[in-house]
Amino acid sequence: MNVDATDPAIGWFMLSEADRAAASRHLAKLASDGTRDELGFAPIHFAFADRFFPGTSVQHAQLRYVLFVAWAYQELLEADPGARFSEEDLREIERRYSRRLIDTAPQLQNSGISGWMKYEAGTLPAVRASTIYWTALRSWGLVRSPITGEPPSEAELRNAWPRLVTRAETDNGKAAAIDIFEGIPKRPADWTRKTGPLDFDLRPAEARFLQARWRTAGHGGTQPLMSKVADAGIHTGPLWSREVRRVASERERVSLDIARRAASMACIARAAHAALIEARRNQDLGRDDARHRDALPKLVEDHRQATLELDVEALRVETGMDHRLATFIERIKAWTTDRDKLAALEDTIVRREHELKGGRAYLSNERRRVDWSKGVAEPLDYRWPTVTHLVASVLEVA
């Protein structure tokens, strides 16, 4: 069989492979709370973040994207009911509305426009906005499979794509798309335009719709903490604040206490890890950097009491973490209790990082340390900064 060398199907297959690889790398970097997870605290982060704030991600910069994704899929399905799913067409729709967002935004830096640098350079982002925000559509019940009745993954929806049609009994059996986004607010009248203003400001009906969907986004259709926070108008202050605890259930308050203590423990571990890398990097390069060395004592003092109060077994039950992480946490607690010098913890942290990262571990790879740069360690945040932004987006309209 002869195939034309310019056949676009071949090129598109290669792009999709690149997408998957790039997405994997990107998500690995954001494995926990937006920082590189060199010590493996992601199971703790995900367990609490997904329970308190289902459907959210540290990559979620603008809430209205959830609706943009739904409208893009609606447009694609209505264009040719019964056809195969076209990733190329979806990318074109995303490129179109992204260009409008870019042209409307007063500034692009920190605008929350997904992939704006790639679009400005005339290329396509490796990770699509629809992929980034799909978890929200699933978890908040915005999308339903007409075949199973359950919220589908992107892959499941695409596999079912040709079957998402109905046939009229008259009019020669005319095909029509099934509404997989039941109840979603109508897309703007000018949605399919290639130019014209488009922004992230939620309209009142959109805000009410999303806030209502949050109320049943918890396990088994229950109301999660995120929804309670939104309904109470809370979008400032720490996650451990009196205001948040007031709206939380008794069970959620127990989880919040464990999560807070685990967050402090992780901060101490990360601070020690950073100080060790800094010390080895100083040896490598003949420098005397002291940012992390100087920060460590105060971070230990600030988070010592919460770390010592952490019940590791209760944390294991809450998160399902494995025994190796539990053992590592017990060692961090013991070091914090004894107020030992950093050298006493060095072997433990070196082994933990190498166990997770192998030859890529900073403490055992001099070449990787050359370009190492990291801010002072902070506690796990369980996506709370992202969540307060999403909640504020709804409350501003309300």
Protein backbone atom coordinates (compact mmCIF):
# COMPACT_ATOMS: atom_id res chain seq x y z
CA MET A 1 0.00 0.00 0.00
CA ASN A 2 1.45 3.37 -1.00
CA VAL A 3 1.13 6.20 1.47
CA ASP A 4 1.76 9.80 0.54
CA ALA A 5 4.63 11.18 2.63
CA THR A 6 2.54 14.26 3.38
CA ASP A 7 -0.35 12.25 4.79
CA PRO A 8 -1.41 14.32 7.84
CA ALA A 9 -2.48 11.23 9.79
CA ILE A 10 1.15 10.25 10.32
CA GLY A 11 2.13 13.67 11.61
CA TRP A 12 -0.89 13.81 13.89
CA PHE A 13 -0.04 10.44 15.40
CA MET A 14 3.42 11.72 16.26
CA LEU A 15 1.96 14.88 17.82
CA SER A 16 -0.35 12.83 20.00
CA GLU A 17 2.58 10.77 21.25
CA ALA A 18 4.39 13.98 22.10
CA ASP A 19 1.30 15.23 23.89
CA ARG A 20 1.20 12.21 26.12
CA ALA A 21 4.90 12.45 26.95
CA ALA A 22 4.71 16.17 27.64
CA ALA A 23 1.59 15.79 29.76
CA SER A 24 3.26 13.04 31.76
CA ARG A 25 6.32 15.21 32.41
CA HIS A 26 4.18 18.20 33.32
CA LEU A 27 1.98 16.30 35.73
CA ALA A 28 5.02 14.64 37.32
CA LYS A 29 6.39 18.09 38.16
CA LEU A 30 3.06 19.00 39.74
CA ALA A 31 2.73 15.71 41.57
CA SER A 32 1.63 17.23 44.84
CA ASP A 33 1.04 20.90 45.58
CA GLY A 34 2.66 22.57 42.62
CA THR A 35 6.22 21.75 43.69
CA ARG A 36 8.49 18.92 42.65
CA ASP A 37 7.66 16.01 44.91
CA GLU A 38 11.18 14.69 45.54
CA LEU A 39 10.29 13.04 48.85
CA GLY A 40 7.02 11.39 47.81
CA PHE A 41 4.37 13.29 49.77
CA ALA A 42 1.93 13.21 46.84
CA PRO A 43 -0.25 10.42 48.33
CA ILE A 44 -0.92 12.64 51.36
CA HIS A 45 -1.58 15.71 49.26
CA PHE A 46 -3.93 13.98 46.83
CA ALA A 47 -5.86 12.10 49.52
CA PHE A 48 -6.82 15.23 51.44
CA ALA A 49 -7.09 17.61 48.47
CA ASP A 50 -9.37 15.25 46.54
CA ARG A 51 -11.54 14.68 49.60
CA PHE A 52 -11.90 18.33 50.58
CA PHE A 53 -11.85 19.81 47.06
CA PRO A 54 -12.86 17.15 44.49
CA GLY A 55 -12.24 17.91 40.83
CA THR A 56 -9.66 20.60 41.48
CA SER A 57 -6.04 20.75 40.33
CA VAL A 58 -3.12 23.08 40.93
CA GLN A 59 -3.29 23.72 37.18
CA HIS A 60 -6.77 25.26 37.41
CA ALA A 61 -6.21 28.96 36.91
CA GLN A 62 -9.62 30.12 35.65
CA LEU A 63 -12.97 28.57 36.57
CA ARG A 64 -14.78 29.51 33.35
CA TYR A 65 -12.46 27.12 31.47
CA VAL A 66 -14.70 24.30 32.69
CA LEU A 67 -17.51 25.75 30.60
CA PHE A 68 -15.22 26.49 27.64
CA VAL A 69 -14.25 22.81 27.53
CA ALA A 70 -17.88 21.68 27.68
CA TRP A 71 -18.89 24.12 24.95
CA ALA A 72 -16.00 22.99 22.75
CA TYR A 73 -17.12 19.35 23.04
CA GLN A 74 -20.73 20.34 22.40
CA GLU A 75 -19.73 22.20 19.26
CA LEU A 76 -17.63 19.29 18.05
CA LEU A 77 -20.41 16.76 18.64
CA GLU A 78 -23.13 18.88 17.02
CA ALA A 79 -20.99 19.58 13.95
CA ASP A 80 -21.11 15.99 12.71
CA PRO A 81 -23.16 13.58 14.89
CA GLY A 82 -22.07 9.97 14.52
CA ALA A 83 -18.63 10.79 13.13
CA ARG A 84 -15.37 9.68 14.70
CA PHE A 85 -13.90 11.93 17.35
CA SER A 86 -11.45 14.45 15.87
CA GLU A 87 -8.70 15.64 18.18
CA GLU A 88 -7.52 17.96 15.44
CA ASP A 89 -10.91 19.69 15.33
CA LEU A 90 -10.93 19.99 19.13
CA ARG A 91 -7.49 21.59 19.05
CA GLU A 92 -8.69 24.06 16.45
CA ILE A 93 -11.65 25.07 18.63
CA GLU A 94 -9.31 25.51 21.60
CA ARG A 95 -6.91 27.54 19.48
CA ARG A 96 -9.78 29.74 18.30
CA TYR A 97 -11.16 30.64 21.71
CA SER A 98 -7.64 30.92 23.16
CA ARG A 99 -6.73 33.51 20.54
CA ARG A 100 -9.82 35.50 21.52
CA LEU A 101 -8.86 35.29 25.20
CA ILE A 102 -5.33 36.42 24.35
CA ASP A 103 -6.60 39.36 22.31
CA THR A 104 -8.95 40.40 25.13
CA ALA A 105 -6.60 40.04 28.11
CA PRO A 106 -5.01 43.29 29.35
CA GLN A 107 -1.82 41.32 30.05
CA LEU A 108 -0.85 37.72 29.37
CA GLN A 109 1.50 37.02 32.26
CA ASN A 110 -0.55 35.46 35.09
CA SER A 111 -3.70 35.76 32.97
CA GLY A 112 -4.55 32.09 33.47
CA ILE A 113 -4.82 31.52 29.72
CA SER A 114 -3.73 27.95 29.16
CA GLY A 115 -0.84 27.65 26.69
CA TRP A 116 -0.74 31.34 25.78
CA MET A 117 3.03 31.34 25.21
CA LYS A 118 2.71 28.50 22.70
CA TYR A 119 -0.15 30.19 20.88
CA GLU A 120 1.79 33.45 20.73
CA ALA A 121 4.73 31.53 19.23
CA GLY A 122 2.45 30.05 16.57
CA THR A 123 2.47 26.51 17.96
CA LEU A 124 0.07 24.36 19.96
CA PRO A 125 0.37 23.57 23.69
CA ALA A 126 1.40 20.01 24.46
CA VAL A 127 -1.25 19.77 27.18
CA ARG A 128 -4.74 20.80 26.05
CA ALA A 129 -7.02 22.88 28.25
CA SER A 130 -9.65 20.15 27.92
CA THR A 131 -7.25 17.65 29.48
CA ILE A 132 -6.35 19.99 32.33
CA TYR A 133 -9.97 20.73 33.24
CA TRP A 134 -11.62 17.38 32.44
CA THR A 135 -11.33 16.15 36.03
CA ALA A 136 -13.53 19.04 37.10
CA LEU A 137 -16.18 18.17 34.53
CA ARG A 138 -16.23 14.58 35.77
CA SER A 139 -16.09 15.23 39.50
CA TRP A 140 -18.68 18.00 39.46
CA GLY A 141 -21.10 15.96 37.36
CA LEU A 142 -21.10 18.27 34.35
CA VAL A 143 -20.71 15.43 31.86
CA ARG A 144 -22.55 12.10 31.74
CA SER A 145 -22.18 9.16 29.45
CA PRO A 146 -25.55 8.32 27.84
CA ILE A 147 -24.35 4.74 27.63
CA THR A 148 -23.28 4.08 31.24
CA GLY A 149 -24.81 7.07 32.99
CA GLU A 150 -21.48 7.71 34.71
CA PRO A 151 -19.10 10.64 34.25
CA PRO A 152 -16.68 9.40 31.58
CA SER A 153 -12.99 10.02 31.19
CA GLU A 154 -11.92 11.78 28.01
CA ALA A 155 -10.80 8.45 26.54
CA GLU A 156 -14.10 6.76 27.39
CA LEU A 157 -16.09 9.60 25.83
CA ARG A 158 -14.02 9.53 22.65
CA ASN A 159 -14.44 5.76 22.31
CA ALA A 160 -18.21 6.19 22.57
CA TRP A 161 -18.25 9.25 20.31
CA PRO A 162 -19.88 7.70 17.19
CA ARG A 163 -22.72 6.38 19.36
CA LEU A 164 -23.61 9.74 20.88
CA VAL A 165 -26.45 10.29 18.43
CA THR A 166 -30.19 9.87 18.19
CA ARG A 167 -32.13 9.13 15.00
CA ALA A 168 -35.45 10.75 14.26
CA GLU A 169 -38.27 8.38 13.36
CA THR A 170 -39.23 10.77 10.58
CA ASP A 171 -37.28 13.19 8.41
CA ASN A 172 -35.33 10.26 6.91
CA GLY A 173 -33.86 9.30 10.28
CA LYS A 174 -31.95 12.55 10.68
CA ALA A 175 -29.11 12.29 13.22
CA ALA A 176 -28.87 14.60 16.21
CA ALA A 177 -26.29 14.80 18.99
CA ILE A 178 -27.19 13.55 22.46
CA ASP A 179 -26.82 16.20 25.16
CA ILE A 180 -23.96 14.92 27.32
CA PHE A 181 -23.74 18.19 29.27
CA GLU A 182 -27.29 18.30 30.55
CA GLY A 183 -28.28 21.57 32.19
CA ILE A 184 -25.07 23.41 31.35
CA PRO A 185 -25.52 27.16 30.70
CA LYS A 186 -25.83 28.11 27.07
CA ARG A 187 -22.66 29.09 25.31
CA PRO A 188 -22.31 32.72 24.18
CA ALA A 189 -24.12 33.60 20.96
CA ASP A 190 -20.80 34.52 19.36
CA TRP A 191 -18.98 31.39 20.60
CA THR A 192 -17.96 30.19 17.14
CA ARG A 193 -16.53 33.54 16.04
CA LYS A 194 -12.81 33.64 15.34
CA THR A 195 -12.43 37.16 16.68
CA GLY A 196 -14.06 39.36 19.26
CA PRO A 197 -13.78 39.72 23.03
CA LEU A 198 -13.90 36.67 25.27
CA ASP A 199 -13.10 36.71 28.98
CA PHE A 200 -13.08 34.61 32.14
CA ASP A 201 -15.78 36.57 33.99
CA LEU A 202 -18.53 34.18 35.02
CA ARG A 203 -22.06 35.23 34.17
CA PRO A 204 -24.65 34.91 36.99
CA ALA A 205 -26.28 31.79 35.53
CA GLU A 206 -22.86 30.18 35.08
CA ALA A 207 -21.82 30.92 38.66
CA ARG A 208 -25.10 29.57 40.08
CA PHE A 209 -24.77 26.43 37.96
CA LEU A 210 -21.23 25.64 39.10
CA GLN A 211 -21.95 26.41 42.74
CA ALA A 212 -24.96 24.08 42.61
CA ARG A 213 -22.88 21.28 41.08
CA TRP A 214 -20.30 21.60 43.82
CA ARG A 215 -22.95 20.75 46.41
CA THR A 216 -23.12 17.11 45.26
CA ALA A 217 -19.50 16.65 44.18
CA GLY A 218 -18.43 14.76 47.30
CA HIS A 219 -18.21 11.00 47.72
CA GLY A 220 -21.59 9.41 47.06
CA GLY A 221 -23.13 12.74 46.09
CA THR A 222 -22.44 14.37 49.45
CA GLN A 223 -21.51 18.03 49.92
CA PRO A 224 -17.72 18.44 50.10
CA LEU A 225 -15.88 21.04 52.13
CA MET A 226 -15.27 23.10 49.00
CA SER A 227 -18.99 23.62 48.53
CA LYS A 228 -19.56 24.46 52.19
CA VAL A 229 -16.80 27.05 52.01
CA ALA A 230 -18.35 28.60 48.90
CA ASP A 231 -21.86 28.64 50.34
CA ALA A 232 -20.49 30.34 53.47
CA GLY A 233 -18.67 32.96 51.39
CA ILE A 234 -15.19 31.98 52.64
CA HIS A 235 -12.38 32.69 50.19
CA THR A 236 -9.65 34.19 52.36
CA GLY A 237 -7.60 33.08 55.34
CA PRO A 238 -5.86 29.75 55.97
CA LEU A 239 -7.44 26.34 55.48
CA TRP A 240 -7.12 25.79 59.23
CA SER A 241 -9.06 28.93 60.11
CA ARG A 242 -11.93 29.05 62.57
CA GLU A 243 -14.27 30.00 59.70
CA VAL A 244 -13.46 26.86 57.74
CA ARG A 245 -13.70 24.61 60.79
CA ARG A 246 -17.09 26.14 61.58
CA VAL A 247 -18.63 24.94 58.31
CA ALA A 248 -16.82 21.57 58.30
CA SER A 249 -18.48 18.44 59.62
CA GLU A 250 -17.11 16.75 62.73
CA ARG A 251 -15.44 14.11 60.54
CA GLU A 252 -13.92 16.79 58.30
CA ARG A 253 -12.51 18.60 61.33
CA VAL A 254 -10.71 15.42 62.37
CA SER A 255 -9.28 15.10 58.85
CA LEU A 256 -8.30 18.78 58.84
CA ASP A 257 -6.32 18.30 62.06
CA ILE A 258 -4.44 15.34 60.63
CA ALA A 259 -3.88 17.16 57.34
CA ARG A 260 -2.52 20.26 59.12
CA ARG A 261 -0.01 18.20 61.11
CA ALA A 262 1.06 16.27 58.02
CA ALA A 263 1.53 19.55 56.17
CA SER A 264 3.91 20.79 58.89
CA MET A 265 5.84 17.51 58.87
CA ALA A 266 6.29 17.76 55.11
CA CYS A 267 7.55 21.31 55.47
CA ILE A 268 10.27 20.22 57.89
CA ALA A 269 11.27 17.31 55.64
CA ARG A 270 11.42 19.49 52.55
CA ALA A 271 13.37 22.18 54.38
CA ALA A 272 15.95 19.61 55.50
CA HIS A 273 16.13 18.17 51.99
CA ALA A 274 16.71 21.62 50.48
CA ALA A 275 19.41 22.45 53.03
CA LEU A 276 21.22 19.20 52.22
CA ILE A 277 21.11 19.86 48.47
CA GLU A 278 22.32 23.41 49.05
CA ALA A 279 25.27 22.15 51.11
CA ARG A 280 26.31 19.62 48.47
CA ARG A 281 25.87 22.19 45.73
CA ASN A 282 28.13 24.54 47.66
CA GLN A 283 30.77 21.82 47.70
CA ASP A 284 30.31 21.19 43.97
CA LEU A 285 30.66 24.84 42.98
CA GLY A 286 32.82 26.25 45.75
CA ARG A 287 30.04 28.53 47.00
CA ASP A 288 28.61 29.45 50.38
CA ASP A 289 24.87 29.85 49.72
CA ALA A 290 22.92 29.82 52.96
CA ARG A 291 19.29 30.52 52.09
CA HIS A 292 17.99 27.07 53.02
CA ARG A 293 20.51 26.48 55.80
CA ASP A 294 19.44 29.70 57.49
CA ALA A 295 15.73 29.04 56.95
CA LEU A 296 15.77 25.52 58.43
CA PRO A 297 15.94 26.30 62.19
CA LYS A 298 12.94 28.65 62.12
CA LEU A 299 10.88 26.29 59.96
CA VAL A 300 11.60 23.45 62.36
CA GLU A 301 10.64 25.60 65.31
CA ASP A 302 7.44 26.87 63.64
CA HIS A 303 6.25 23.39 62.65
CA ARG A 304 7.75 21.28 65.43
CA GLN A 305 4.69 21.03 67.69
CA ALA A 306 2.30 20.09 64.87
CA THR A 307 4.77 17.50 63.60
CA LEU A 308 5.13 15.91 67.03
CA GLU A 309 1.33 15.76 67.36
CA LEU A 310 0.99 13.87 64.06
CA ASP A 311 -0.47 10.38 64.50
CA VAL A 312 1.23 8.47 61.69
CA GLU A 313 -1.14 5.52 61.90
CA ALA A 314 -4.16 7.81 61.69
CA LEU A 315 -2.52 9.49 58.69
CA ARG A 316 -2.01 6.09 57.06
CA VAL A 317 -5.69 5.24 57.54
CA GLU A 318 -6.76 8.62 56.12
CA THR A 319 -4.50 8.50 53.06
CA GLY A 320 -3.69 4.86 52.33
CA MET A 321 0.03 5.72 52.14
CA ASP A 322 2.47 2.83 51.98
CA HIS A 323 4.66 1.61 54.83
CA ARG A 324 7.83 3.13 53.36
CA LEU A 325 6.37 6.62 53.51
CA ALA A 326 5.07 5.94 57.02
CA THR A 327 8.54 4.82 58.12
CA PHE A 328 10.11 7.92 56.59
CA ILE A 329 7.63 10.17 58.42
CA GLU A 330 8.39 8.43 61.72
CA ARG A 331 12.07 9.18 61.14
CA ILE A 332 11.29 12.86 60.49
CA LYS A 333 9.30 12.96 63.73
CA ALA A 334 12.14 11.34 65.68
CA TRP A 335 14.68 13.82 64.30
CA THR A 336 12.37 16.73 65.16
CA THR A 337 11.89 15.36 68.67
CA ASP A 338 15.61 14.94 69.31
CA ARG A 339 16.51 18.34 67.81
CA ASP A 340 19.48 16.66 66.16
CA LYS A 341 21.86 18.30 63.73
CA LEU A 342 20.99 18.00 60.06
CA ALA A 343 23.72 15.42 59.47
CA ALA A 344 21.77 12.95 61.61
CA LEU A 345 18.96 12.99 59.04
CA GLU A 346 21.12 12.99 55.92
CA ASP A 347 21.26 9.24 55.26
CA THR A 348 17.49 8.90 55.68
CA ILE A 349 16.72 11.66 53.18
CA VAL A 350 19.36 10.50 50.70
CA ARG A 351 17.87 7.00 50.72
CA ARG A 352 14.31 8.28 50.41
CA GLU A 353 15.04 10.53 47.44
CA HIS A 354 17.07 7.85 45.65
CA GLU A 355 14.33 5.28 46.28
CA LEU A 356 11.87 7.56 44.46
CA LYS A 357 14.05 9.21 41.81
CA GLY A 358 16.94 6.83 41.21
CA GLY A 359 19.78 8.42 39.28
CA ARG A 360 17.81 11.66 38.95
CA ALA A 361 17.92 12.32 42.70
CA TYR A 362 19.52 15.69 43.42
CA LEU A 363 21.48 14.42 46.40
CA SER A 364 23.20 11.76 44.31
CA ASN A 365 23.46 13.55 40.94
CA GLU A 366 25.96 16.36 40.80
CA ARG A 367 24.98 17.39 37.27
CA ARG A 368 21.35 17.91 38.28
CA ARG A 369 22.41 20.02 41.25
CA VAL A 370 24.12 22.58 39.01
CA ASP A 371 20.83 24.17 37.92
CA TRP A 372 18.92 23.41 41.12
CA SER A 373 16.88 26.31 42.45
CA LYS A 374 14.06 26.22 44.95
CA GLY A 375 12.14 28.57 47.20
CA VAL A 376 12.12 28.16 50.96
CA ALA A 377 10.04 25.14 51.99
CA GLU A 378 6.36 25.56 52.80
CA PRO A 379 3.74 23.22 54.27
CA LEU A 380 1.52 21.17 51.97
CA ASP A 381 -1.38 23.40 50.94
CA TYR A 382 -3.80 20.76 49.56
CA ARG A 383 -4.69 23.15 46.67
CA TRP A 384 -6.23 25.66 49.08
CA PRO A 385 -4.81 28.70 47.19
CA THR A 386 -6.34 27.37 43.96
CA VAL A 387 -9.64 26.61 45.66
CA THR A 388 -9.97 30.07 47.21
CA HIS A 389 -9.44 31.58 43.76
CA LEU A 390 -12.13 29.35 42.22
CA VAL A 391 -14.54 30.11 45.06
CA ALA A 392 -13.85 33.83 44.75
CA SER A 393 -14.70 33.62 41.03
CA VAL A 394 -18.19 32.40 41.96
CA LEU A 395 -18.68 34.74 44.90
CA GLU A 396 -17.72 37.83 42.90
CA VAL A 397 -20.75 37.23 40.71
CA ALA A 398 -23.08 36.27 43.53
